Amino acid sequence: MHIMEELKTLCRELGEESLIPRIESFIALNKEFESKKGKEFVEVSILGFAEGILTTLKLKYPENEKVRSLLEKVSTQGKELDIKFRKPKPPIFDE
């Protein structure tokens, strides 16, 4: 995922290199589930993880525009994919 490469680059720029192995491990772990859960399910999971890291980085670096921009990008993409996994409302609630 291109966004994860951007996240790793941002971590390097911020001096947060210790996060990079964790990001790579999380990606590798989730890629193992791709055949069972599907590519989009894995992408939602990875984007959620990235969003958590970026939220923490935003608290640590509140003035950094790159952090805010990437967080917005990840959040938007995650929400778009997440919609595919929501269960529709049962027709009983439609009036």
PDB file of N, CA and C in Angstrom:
ATOM      1  N   MET A   1       0.846  -1.183   0.000  1.00  0.00           N
ATOM      2  CA  MET A   1       0.000   0.000   0.000  1.00  0.00           C
ATOM      3  C   MET A   1       0.887   1.241   0.000  1.00  0.00           C
ATOM      4  N   HIS A   2       0.586   2.119  -0.888  1.00  0.00           N
ATOM      5  CA  HIS A   2       1.355   3.355  -1.031  1.00  0.00           C
ATOM      6  C   HIS A   2       1.289   4.211   0.235  1.00  0.00           C
ATOM      7  N   ILE A   3       0.156   4.237   0.874  1.00  0.00           N
ATOM      8  CA  ILE A   3      -0.004   5.056   2.088  1.00  0.00           C
ATOM      9  C   ILE A   3       0.935   4.574   3.186  1.00  0.00           C
ATOM     10  N   MET A   4       1.137   3.288   3.285  1.00  0.00           N
ATOM     11  CA  MET A   4       2.017   2.777   4.326  1.00  0.00           C
ATOM     12  C   MET A   4       3.471   3.167   4.050  1.00  0.00           C
ATOM     13  N   GLU A   5       3.841   3.252   2.792  1.00  0.00           N
ATOM     14  CA  GLU A   5       5.186   3.728   2.457  1.00  0.00           C
ATOM     15  C   GLU A   5       5.323   5.202   2.844  1.00  0.00           C
ATOM     16  N   GLU A   6       4.271   5.971   2.605  1.00  0.00           N
ATOM     17  CA  GLU A   6       4.274   7.375   3.018  1.00  0.00           C
ATOM     18  C   GLU A   6       4.412   7.489   4.534  1.00  0.00           C
ATOM     19  N   LEU A   7       3.718   6.617   5.256  1.00  0.00           N
ATOM     20  CA  LEU A   7       3.778   6.631   6.715  1.00  0.00           C
ATOM     21  C   LEU A   7       5.192   6.309   7.192  1.00  0.00           C
ATOM     22  N   LYS A   8       5.815   5.310   6.591  1.00  0.00           N
ATOM     23  CA  LYS A   8       7.182   4.956   6.991  1.00  0.00           C
ATOM     24  C   LYS A   8       8.155   6.096   6.689  1.00  0.00           C
ATOM     25  N   THR A   9       7.986   6.745   5.549  1.00  0.00           N
ATOM     26  CA  THR A   9       8.831   7.896   5.206  1.00  0.00           C
ATOM     27  C   THR A   9       8.637   9.015   6.220  1.00  0.00           C
ATOM     28  N   LEU A  10       7.395   9.274   6.577  1.00  0.00           N
ATOM     29  CA  LEU A  10       7.095  10.310   7.566  1.00  0.00           C
ATOM     30  C   LEU A  10       7.728   9.972   8.918  1.00  0.00           C
ATOM     31  N   CYS A  11       7.660   8.719   9.306  1.00  0.00           N
ATOM     32  CA  CYS A  11       8.280   8.296  10.569  1.00  0.00           C
ATOM     33  C   CYS A  11       9.783   8.557  10.541  1.00  0.00           C
ATOM     34  N   ARG A  12      10.417   8.270   9.410  1.00  0.00           N
ATOM     35  CA  ARG A  12      11.856   8.549   9.285  1.00  0.00           C
ATOM     36  C   ARG A  12      12.126  10.040   9.426  1.00  0.00           C
ATOM     37  N   GLU A  13      11.326  10.859   8.767  1.00  0.00           N
ATOM     38  CA  GLU A  13      11.505  12.313   8.818  1.00  0.00           C
ATOM     39  C   GLU A  13      11.350  12.854  10.237  1.00  0.00           C
ATOM     40  N   LEU A  14      10.461  12.248  10.998  1.00  0.00           N
ATOM     41  CA  LEU A  14      10.194  12.708  12.366  1.00  0.00           C
ATOM     42  C   LEU A  14      11.148  12.093  13.392  1.00  0.00           C
ATOM     43  N   GLY A  15      12.000  11.186  12.940  1.00  0.00           N
ATOM     44  CA  GLY A  15      12.905  10.521  13.872  1.00  0.00           C
ATOM     45  C   GLY A  15      12.237   9.424  14.671  1.00  0.00           C
ATOM     46  N   GLU A  16      11.159   8.905  14.151  1.00  0.00           N
ATOM     47  CA  GLU A  16      10.388   7.846  14.818  1.00  0.00           C
ATOM     48  C   GLU A  16      10.651   6.496  14.138  1.00  0.00           C
ATOM     49  N   GLU A  17      11.929   6.204  13.907  1.00  0.00           N
ATOM     50  CA  GLU A  17      12.305   4.980  13.197  1.00  0.00           C
ATOM     51  C   GLU A  17      11.855   3.709  13.914  1.00  0.00           C
ATOM     52  N   SER A  18      11.685   3.780  15.223  1.00  0.00           N
ATOM     53  CA  SER A  18      11.275   2.590  15.974  1.00  0.00           C
ATOM     54  C   SER A  18       9.879   2.106  15.582  1.00  0.00           C
ATOM     55  N   LEU A  19       9.097   2.971  14.954  1.00  0.00           N
ATOM     56  CA  LEU A  19       7.755   2.569  14.522  1.00  0.00           C
ATOM     57  C   LEU A  19       7.785   1.741  13.236  1.00  0.00           C
ATOM     58  N   ILE A  20       8.822   1.900  12.443  1.00  0.00           N
ATOM     59  CA  ILE A  20       8.865   1.248  11.124  1.00  0.00           C
ATOM     60  C   ILE A  20       8.819  -0.277  11.215  1.00  0.00           C
ATOM     61  N   PRO A  21       9.620  -0.918  12.074  1.00  0.00           N
ATOM     62  CA  PRO A  21       9.495  -2.384  12.174  1.00  0.00           C
ATOM     63  C   PRO A  21       8.110  -2.834  12.649  1.00  0.00           C
ATOM     64  N   ARG A  22       7.485  -2.050  13.492  1.00  0.00           N
ATOM     65  CA  ARG A  22       6.139  -2.394  13.955  1.00  0.00           C
ATOM     66  C   ARG A  22       5.129  -2.312  12.812  1.00  0.00           C
ATOM     67  N   ILE A  23       5.277  -1.275  11.989  1.00  0.00           N
ATOM     68  CA  ILE A  23       4.401  -1.123  10.824  1.00  0.00           C
ATOM     69  C   ILE A  23       4.592  -2.299   9.877  1.00  0.00           C
ATOM     70  N   GLU A  24       5.847  -2.633   9.587  1.00  0.00           N
ATOM     71  CA  GLU A  24       6.128  -3.737   8.673  1.00  0.00           C
ATOM     72  C   GLU A  24       5.622  -5.072   9.213  1.00  0.00           C
ATOM     73  N   SER A  25       5.777  -5.280  10.516  1.00  0.00           N
ATOM     74  CA  SER A  25       5.283  -6.521  11.126  1.00  0.00           C
ATOM     75  C   SER A  25       3.763  -6.609  11.047  1.00  0.00           C
ATOM     76  N   PHE A  26       3.081  -5.500  11.311  1.00  0.00           N
ATOM     77  CA  PHE A  26       1.624  -5.492  11.258  1.00  0.00           C
ATOM     78  C   PHE A  26       1.134  -5.782   9.840  1.00  0.00           C
ATOM     79  N   ILE A  27       1.787  -5.185   8.864  1.00  0.00           N
ATOM     80  CA  ILE A  27       1.416  -5.428   7.462  1.00  0.00           C
ATOM     81  C   ILE A  27       1.614  -6.892   7.107  1.00  0.00           C
ATOM     82  N   ALA A  28       2.784  -7.440   7.452  1.00  0.00           N
ATOM     83  CA  ALA A  28       3.076  -8.840   7.139  1.00  0.00           C
ATOM     84  C   ALA A  28       2.071  -9.780   7.805  1.00  0.00           C
ATOM     85  N   LEU A  29       1.757  -9.515   9.056  1.00  0.00           N
ATOM     86  CA  LEU A  29       0.799 -10.341   9.778  1.00  0.00           C
ATOM     87  C   LEU A  29      -0.570 -10.309   9.103  1.00  0.00           C
ATOM     88  N   ASN A  30      -1.019  -9.143   8.727  1.00  0.00           N
ATOM     89  CA  ASN A  30      -2.340  -9.016   8.114  1.00  0.00           C
ATOM     90  C   ASN A  30      -2.387  -9.563   6.700  1.00  0.00           C
ATOM     91  N   LYS A  31      -1.290  -9.502   5.981  1.00  0.00           N
ATOM     92  CA  LYS A  31      -1.256 -10.059   4.622  1.00  0.00           C
ATOM     93  C   LYS A  31      -1.517 -11.559   4.637  1.00  0.00           C
ATOM     94  N   GLU A  32      -1.173 -12.214   5.750  1.00  0.00           N
ATOM     95  CA  GLU A  32      -1.426 -13.650   5.890  1.00  0.00           C
ATOM     96  C   GLU A  32      -2.923 -13.958   5.896  1.00  0.00           C
ATOM     97  N   PHE A  33      -3.735 -12.998   6.314  1.00  0.00           N
ATOM     98  CA  PHE A  33      -5.187 -13.187   6.373  1.00  0.00           C
ATOM     99  C   PHE A  33      -5.881 -12.882   5.049  1.00  0.00           C
ATOM    100  N   GLU A  34      -5.143 -12.366   4.093  1.00  0.00           N
ATOM    101  CA  GLU A  34      -5.749 -11.912   2.836  1.00  0.00           C
ATOM    102  C   GLU A  34      -6.498 -13.028   2.112  1.00  0.00           C
ATOM    103  N   SER A  35      -5.934 -14.228   2.090  1.00  0.00           N
ATOM    104  CA  SER A  35      -6.596 -15.329   1.378  1.00  0.00           C
ATOM    105  C   SER A  35      -7.874 -15.778   2.083  1.00  0.00           C
ATOM    106  N   LYS A  36      -7.943 -15.587   3.406  1.00  0.00           N
ATOM    107  CA  LYS A  36      -9.113 -16.023   4.164  1.00  0.00           C
ATOM    108  C   LYS A  36     -10.166 -14.926   4.289  1.00  0.00           C
ATOM    109  N   LYS A  37      -9.721 -13.712   4.522  1.00  0.00           N
ATOM    110  CA  LYS A  37     -10.640 -12.605   4.803  1.00  0.00           C
ATOM    111  C   LYS A  37     -10.897 -11.708   3.597  1.00  0.00           C
ATOM    112  N   GLY A  38      -9.975 -11.685   2.653  1.00  0.00           N
ATOM    113  CA  GLY A  38     -10.111 -10.824   1.486  1.00  0.00           C
ATOM    114  C   GLY A  38      -9.216  -9.602   1.578  1.00  0.00           C
ATOM    115  N   LYS A  39      -8.841  -9.117   0.417  1.00  0.00           N
ATOM    116  CA  LYS A  39      -7.908  -7.985   0.332  1.00  0.00           C
ATOM    117  C   LYS A  39      -8.468  -6.726   0.988  1.00  0.00           C
ATOM    118  N   GLU A  40      -9.728  -6.425   0.749  1.00  0.00           N
ATOM    119  CA  GLU A  40     -10.320  -5.204   1.292  1.00  0.00           C
ATOM    120  C   GLU A  40     -10.410  -5.245   2.815  1.00  0.00           C
ATOM    121  N   PHE A  41     -10.696  -6.404   3.378  1.00  0.00           N
ATOM    122  CA  PHE A  41     -10.743  -6.551   4.830  1.00  0.00           C
ATOM    123  C   PHE A  41      -9.372  -6.239   5.435  1.00  0.00           C
ATOM    124  N   VAL A  42      -8.332  -6.759   4.805  1.00  0.00           N
ATOM    125  CA  VAL A  42      -6.962  -6.532   5.271  1.00  0.00           C
ATOM    126  C   VAL A  42      -6.606  -5.057   5.144  1.00  0.00           C
ATOM    127  N   GLU A  43      -7.002  -4.439   4.046  1.00  0.00           N
ATOM    128  CA  GLU A  43      -6.709  -3.013   3.848  1.00  0.00           C
ATOM    129  C   GLU A  43      -7.378  -2.154   4.923  1.00  0.00           C
ATOM    130  N   VAL A  44      -8.603  -2.480   5.282  1.00  0.00           N
ATOM    131  CA  VAL A  44      -9.303  -1.734   6.341  1.00  0.00           C
ATOM    132  C   VAL A  44      -8.539  -1.869   7.649  1.00  0.00           C
ATOM    133  N   SER A  45      -8.090  -3.057   7.946  1.00  0.00           N
ATOM    134  CA  SER A  45      -7.340  -3.297   9.167  1.00  0.00           C
ATOM    135  C   SER A  45      -6.033  -2.504   9.186  1.00  0.00           C
ATOM    136  N   ILE A  46      -5.304  -2.540   8.095  1.00  0.00           N
ATOM    137  CA  ILE A  46      -4.031  -1.826   8.000  1.00  0.00           C
ATOM    138  C   ILE A  46      -4.254  -0.316   8.075  1.00  0.00           C
ATOM    139  N   LEU A  47      -5.281   0.176   7.409  1.00  0.00           N
ATOM    140  CA  LEU A  47      -5.570   1.610   7.470  1.00  0.00           C
ATOM    141  C   LEU A  47      -5.963   2.041   8.883  1.00  0.00           C
ATOM    142  N   GLY A  48      -6.681   1.193   9.596  1.00  0.00           N
ATOM    143  CA  GLY A  48      -7.031   1.501  10.979  1.00  0.00           C
ATOM    144  C   GLY A  48      -5.796   1.589  11.862  1.00  0.00           C
ATOM    145  N   PHE A  49      -4.855   0.686  11.640  1.00  0.00           N
ATOM    146  CA  PHE A  49      -3.593   0.708  12.366  1.00  0.00           C
ATOM    147  C   PHE A  49      -2.817   1.985  12.057  1.00  0.00           C
ATOM    148  N   ALA A  50      -2.753   2.336  10.768  1.00  0.00           N
ATOM    149  CA  ALA A  50      -2.063   3.559  10.348  1.00  0.00           C
ATOM    150  C   ALA A  50      -2.722   4.790  10.961  1.00  0.00           C
ATOM    151  N   GLU A  51      -4.042   4.784  11.007  1.00  0.00           N
ATOM    152  CA  GLU A  51      -4.770   5.916  11.588  1.00  0.00           C
ATOM    153  C   GLU A  51      -4.423   6.076  13.074  1.00  0.00           C
ATOM    154  N   GLY A  52      -4.287   4.963  13.764  1.00  0.00           N
ATOM    155  CA  GLY A  52      -3.907   5.018  15.171  1.00  0.00           C
ATOM    156  C   GLY A  52      -2.520   5.603  15.369  1.00  0.00           C
ATOM    157  N   ILE A  53      -1.586   5.176  14.550  1.00  0.00           N
ATOM    158  CA  ILE A  53      -0.222   5.719  14.630  1.00  0.00           C
ATOM    159  C   ILE A  53      -0.234   7.205  14.322  1.00  0.00           C
ATOM    160  N   LEU A  54      -0.930   7.585  13.272  1.00  0.00           N
ATOM    161  CA  LEU A  54      -0.965   8.999  12.871  1.00  0.00           C
ATOM    162  C   LEU A  54      -1.669   9.867  13.903  1.00  0.00           C
ATOM    163  N   THR A  55      -2.676   9.340  14.554  1.00  0.00           N
ATOM    164  CA  THR A  55      -3.355  10.092  15.609  1.00  0.00           C
ATOM    165  C   THR A  55      -2.377  10.371  16.754  1.00  0.00           C
ATOM    166  N   THR A  56      -1.587   9.370  17.091  1.00  0.00           N
ATOM    167  CA  THR A  56      -0.578   9.548  18.136  1.00  0.00           C
ATOM    168  C   THR A  56       0.486  10.551  17.697  1.00  0.00           C
ATOM    169  N   LEU A  57       0.921  10.445  16.444  1.00  0.00           N
ATOM    170  CA  LEU A  57       1.917  11.390  15.941  1.00  0.00           C
ATOM    171  C   LEU A  57       1.360  12.813  15.899  1.00  0.00           C
ATOM    172  N   LYS A  58       0.070  12.932  15.623  1.00  0.00           N
ATOM    173  CA  LYS A  58      -0.551  14.260  15.602  1.00  0.00           C
ATOM    174  C   LYS A  58      -0.530  14.888  16.998  1.00  0.00           C
ATOM    175  N   LEU A  59      -0.727  14.080  18.024  1.00  0.00           N
ATOM    176  CA  LEU A  59      -0.655  14.586  19.398  1.00  0.00           C
ATOM    177  C   LEU A  59       0.771  15.006  19.755  1.00  0.00           C
ATOM    178  N   LYS A  60       1.724  14.242  19.252  1.00  0.00           N
ATOM    179  CA  LYS A  60       3.130  14.516  19.546  1.00  0.00           C
ATOM    180  C   LYS A  60       3.682  15.673  18.719  1.00  0.00           C
ATOM    181  N   TYR A  61       3.188  15.801  17.480  1.00  0.00           N
ATOM    182  CA  TYR A  61       3.643  16.844  16.551  1.00  0.00           C
ATOM    183  C   TYR A  61       2.431  17.622  16.027  1.00  0.00           C
ATOM    184  N   PRO A  62       1.768  18.387  16.878  1.00  0.00           N
ATOM    185  CA  PRO A  62       0.502  19.035  16.484  1.00  0.00           C
ATOM    186  C   PRO A  62       0.640  20.055  15.352  1.00  0.00           C
ATOM    187  N   GLU A  63       1.799  20.601  15.143  1.00  0.00           N
ATOM    188  CA  GLU A  63       1.982  21.614  14.103  1.00  0.00           C
ATOM    189  C   GLU A  63       2.440  21.026  12.771  1.00  0.00           C
ATOM    190  N   ASN A  64       2.699  19.730  12.720  1.00  0.00           N
ATOM    191  CA  ASN A  64       3.233  19.122  11.509  1.00  0.00           C
ATOM    192  C   ASN A  64       2.120  18.895  10.481  1.00  0.00           C
ATOM    193  N   GLU A  65       2.203  19.615   9.392  1.00  0.00           N
ATOM    194  CA  GLU A  65       1.186  19.537   8.338  1.00  0.00           C
ATOM    195  C   GLU A  65       1.188  18.179   7.638  1.00  0.00           C
ATOM    196  N   LYS A  66       2.364  17.568   7.487  1.00  0.00           N
ATOM    197  CA  LYS A  66       2.440  16.263   6.819  1.00  0.00           C
ATOM    198  C   LYS A  66       1.685  15.204   7.620  1.00  0.00           C
ATOM    199  N   VAL A  67       1.791  15.274   8.931  1.00  0.00           N
ATOM    200  CA  VAL A  67       1.079  14.320   9.794  1.00  0.00           C
ATOM    201  C   VAL A  67      -0.422  14.512   9.627  1.00  0.00           C
ATOM    202  N   ARG A  68      -0.876  15.752   9.701  1.00  0.00           N
ATOM    203  CA  ARG A  68      -2.318  16.030   9.570  1.00  0.00           C
ATOM    204  C   ARG A  68      -2.844  15.631   8.201  1.00  0.00           C
ATOM    205  N   SER A  69      -2.072  15.925   7.163  1.00  0.00           N
ATOM    206  CA  SER A  69      -2.490  15.609   5.803  1.00  0.00           C
ATOM    207  C   SER A  69      -2.608  14.101   5.583  1.00  0.00           C
ATOM    208  N   LEU A  70      -1.601  13.357   6.039  1.00  0.00           N
ATOM    209  CA  LEU A  70      -1.640  11.907   5.858  1.00  0.00           C
ATOM    210  C   LEU A  70      -2.736  11.282   6.711  1.00  0.00           C
ATOM    211  N   LEU A  71      -2.954  11.812   7.900  1.00  0.00           N
ATOM    212  CA  LEU A  71      -4.037  11.318   8.755  1.00  0.00           C
ATOM    213  C   LEU A  71      -5.382  11.503   8.064  1.00  0.00           C
ATOM    214  N   GLU A  72      -5.586  12.648   7.472  1.00  0.00           N
ATOM    215  CA  GLU A  72      -6.846  12.902   6.754  1.00  0.00           C
ATOM    216  C   GLU A  72      -7.005  11.940   5.581  1.00  0.00           C
ATOM    217  N   LYS A  73      -5.931  11.723   4.850  1.00  0.00           N
ATOM    218  CA  LYS A  73      -5.952  10.818   3.696  1.00  0.00           C
ATOM    219  C   LYS A  73      -6.277   9.387   4.137  1.00  0.00           C
ATOM    220  N   VAL A  74      -5.624   8.927   5.196  1.00  0.00           N
ATOM    221  CA  VAL A  74      -5.851   7.569   5.710  1.00  0.00           C
ATOM    222  C   VAL A  74      -7.278   7.432   6.232  1.00  0.00           C
ATOM    223  N   SER A  75      -7.750   8.422   6.969  1.00  0.00           N
ATOM    224  CA  SER A  75      -9.112   8.378   7.515  1.00  0.00           C
ATOM    225  C   SER A  75     -10.150   8.291   6.411  1.00  0.00           C
ATOM    226  N   THR A  76      -9.977   9.110   5.394  1.00  0.00           N
ATOM    227  CA  THR A  76     -10.921   9.115   4.279  1.00  0.00           C
ATOM    228  C   THR A  76     -10.937   7.778   3.560  1.00  0.00           C
ATOM    229  N   GLN A  77      -9.757   7.262   3.257  1.00  0.00           N
ATOM    230  CA  GLN A  77      -9.680   5.984   2.553  1.00  0.00           C
ATOM    231  C   GLN A  77     -10.233   4.851   3.418  1.00  0.00           C
ATOM    232  N   GLY A  78      -9.960   4.888   4.705  1.00  0.00           N
ATOM    233  CA  GLY A  78     -10.477   3.861   5.604  1.00  0.00           C
ATOM    234  C   GLY A  78     -11.988   3.880   5.690  1.00  0.00           C
ATOM    235  N   LYS A  79     -12.563   5.072   5.760  1.00  0.00           N
ATOM    236  CA  LYS A  79     -14.024   5.191   5.827  1.00  0.00           C
ATOM    237  C   LYS A  79     -14.678   4.681   4.548  1.00  0.00           C
ATOM    238  N   GLU A  80     -14.055   4.973   3.403  1.00  0.00           N
ATOM    239  CA  GLU A  80     -14.603   4.512   2.127  1.00  0.00           C
ATOM    240  C   GLU A  80     -14.614   2.989   2.055  1.00  0.00           C
ATOM    241  N   LEU A  81     -13.544   2.358   2.514  1.00  0.00           N
ATOM    242  CA  LEU A  81     -13.498   0.893   2.505  1.00  0.00           C
ATOM    243  C   LEU A  81     -14.393   0.292   3.581  1.00  0.00           C
ATOM    244  N   ASP A  82     -14.473   0.942   4.721  1.00  0.00           N
ATOM    245  CA  ASP A  82     -15.258   0.435   5.838  1.00  0.00           C
ATOM    246  C   ASP A  82     -16.743   0.321   5.482  1.00  0.00           C
ATOM    247  N   ILE A  83     -17.222   1.194   4.645  1.00  0.00           N
ATOM    248  CA  ILE A  83     -18.625   1.172   4.233  1.00  0.00           C
ATOM    249  C   ILE A  83     -18.992  -0.176   3.607  1.00  0.00           C
ATOM    250  N   LYS A  84     -18.053  -0.802   2.932  1.00  0.00           N
ATOM    251  CA  LYS A  84     -18.308  -2.082   2.281  1.00  0.00           C
ATOM    252  C   LYS A  84     -18.579  -3.205   3.287  1.00  0.00           C
ATOM    253  N   PHE A  85     -18.127  -3.012   4.525  1.00  0.00           N
ATOM    254  CA  PHE A  85     -18.271  -4.060   5.527  1.00  0.00           C
ATOM    255  C   PHE A  85     -19.415  -3.829   6.495  1.00  0.00           C
ATOM    256  N   ARG A  86     -20.085  -2.722   6.375  1.00  0.00           N
ATOM    257  CA  ARG A  86     -21.228  -2.454   7.255  1.00  0.00           C
ATOM    258  C   ARG A  86     -22.409  -3.285   6.813  1.00  0.00           C
ATOM    259  N   LYS A  87     -23.098  -3.776   7.791  1.00  0.00           N
ATOM    260  CA  LYS A  87     -24.294  -4.553   7.480  1.00  0.00           C
ATOM    261  C   LYS A  87     -25.435  -3.586   7.207  1.00  0.00           C
ATOM    262  N   PRO A  88     -26.228  -3.862   6.188  1.00  0.00           N
ATOM    263  CA  PRO A  88     -27.368  -2.982   5.921  1.00  0.00           C
ATOM    264  C   PRO A  88     -28.399  -3.073   7.036  1.00  0.00           C
ATOM    265  N   LYS A  89     -29.137  -1.997   7.204  1.00  0.00           N
ATOM    266  CA  LYS A  89     -30.198  -2.002   8.221  1.00  0.00           C
ATOM    267  C   LYS A  89     -31.290  -2.968   7.793  1.00  0.00           C
ATOM    268  N   PRO A  90     -31.810  -3.725   8.737  1.00  0.00           N
ATOM    269  CA  PRO A  90     -32.904  -4.630   8.404  1.00  0.00           C
ATOM    270  C   PRO A  90     -34.115  -3.828   7.916  1.00  0.00           C
ATOM    271  N   PRO A  91     -34.865  -4.360   6.964  1.00  0.00           N
ATOM    272  CA  PRO A  91     -36.019  -3.625   6.420  1.00  0.00           C
ATOM    273  C   PRO A  91     -37.077  -3.302   7.466  1.00  0.00           C
ATOM    274  N   ILE A  92     -37.039  -3.942   8.596  1.00  0.00           N
ATOM    275  CA  ILE A  92     -38.030  -3.695   9.641  1.00  0.00           C
ATOM    276  C   ILE A  92     -37.947  -2.257  10.148  1.00  0.00           C
ATOM    277  N   PHE A  93     -36.771  -1.646  10.015  1.00  0.00           N
ATOM    278  CA  PHE A  93     -36.597  -0.277  10.498  1.00  0.00           C
ATOM    279  C   PHE A  93     -36.950   0.770   9.451  1.00  0.00           C
ATOM    280  N   ASP A  94     -37.163   0.330   8.218  1.00  0.00           N
ATOM    281  CA  ASP A  94     -37.567   1.289   7.168  1.00  0.00           C
ATOM    282  C   ASP A  94     -39.041   1.598   7.307  1.00  0.00           C
ATOM    283  N   GLU A  95     -39.358   2.854   7.185  1.00  0.00           N
ATOM    284  CA  GLU A  95     -40.777   3.245   7.275  1.00  0.00           C
ATOM    285  C   GLU A  95     -41.221   3.924   6.029  1.00  0.00           C
TER     286      GLU A  95
END
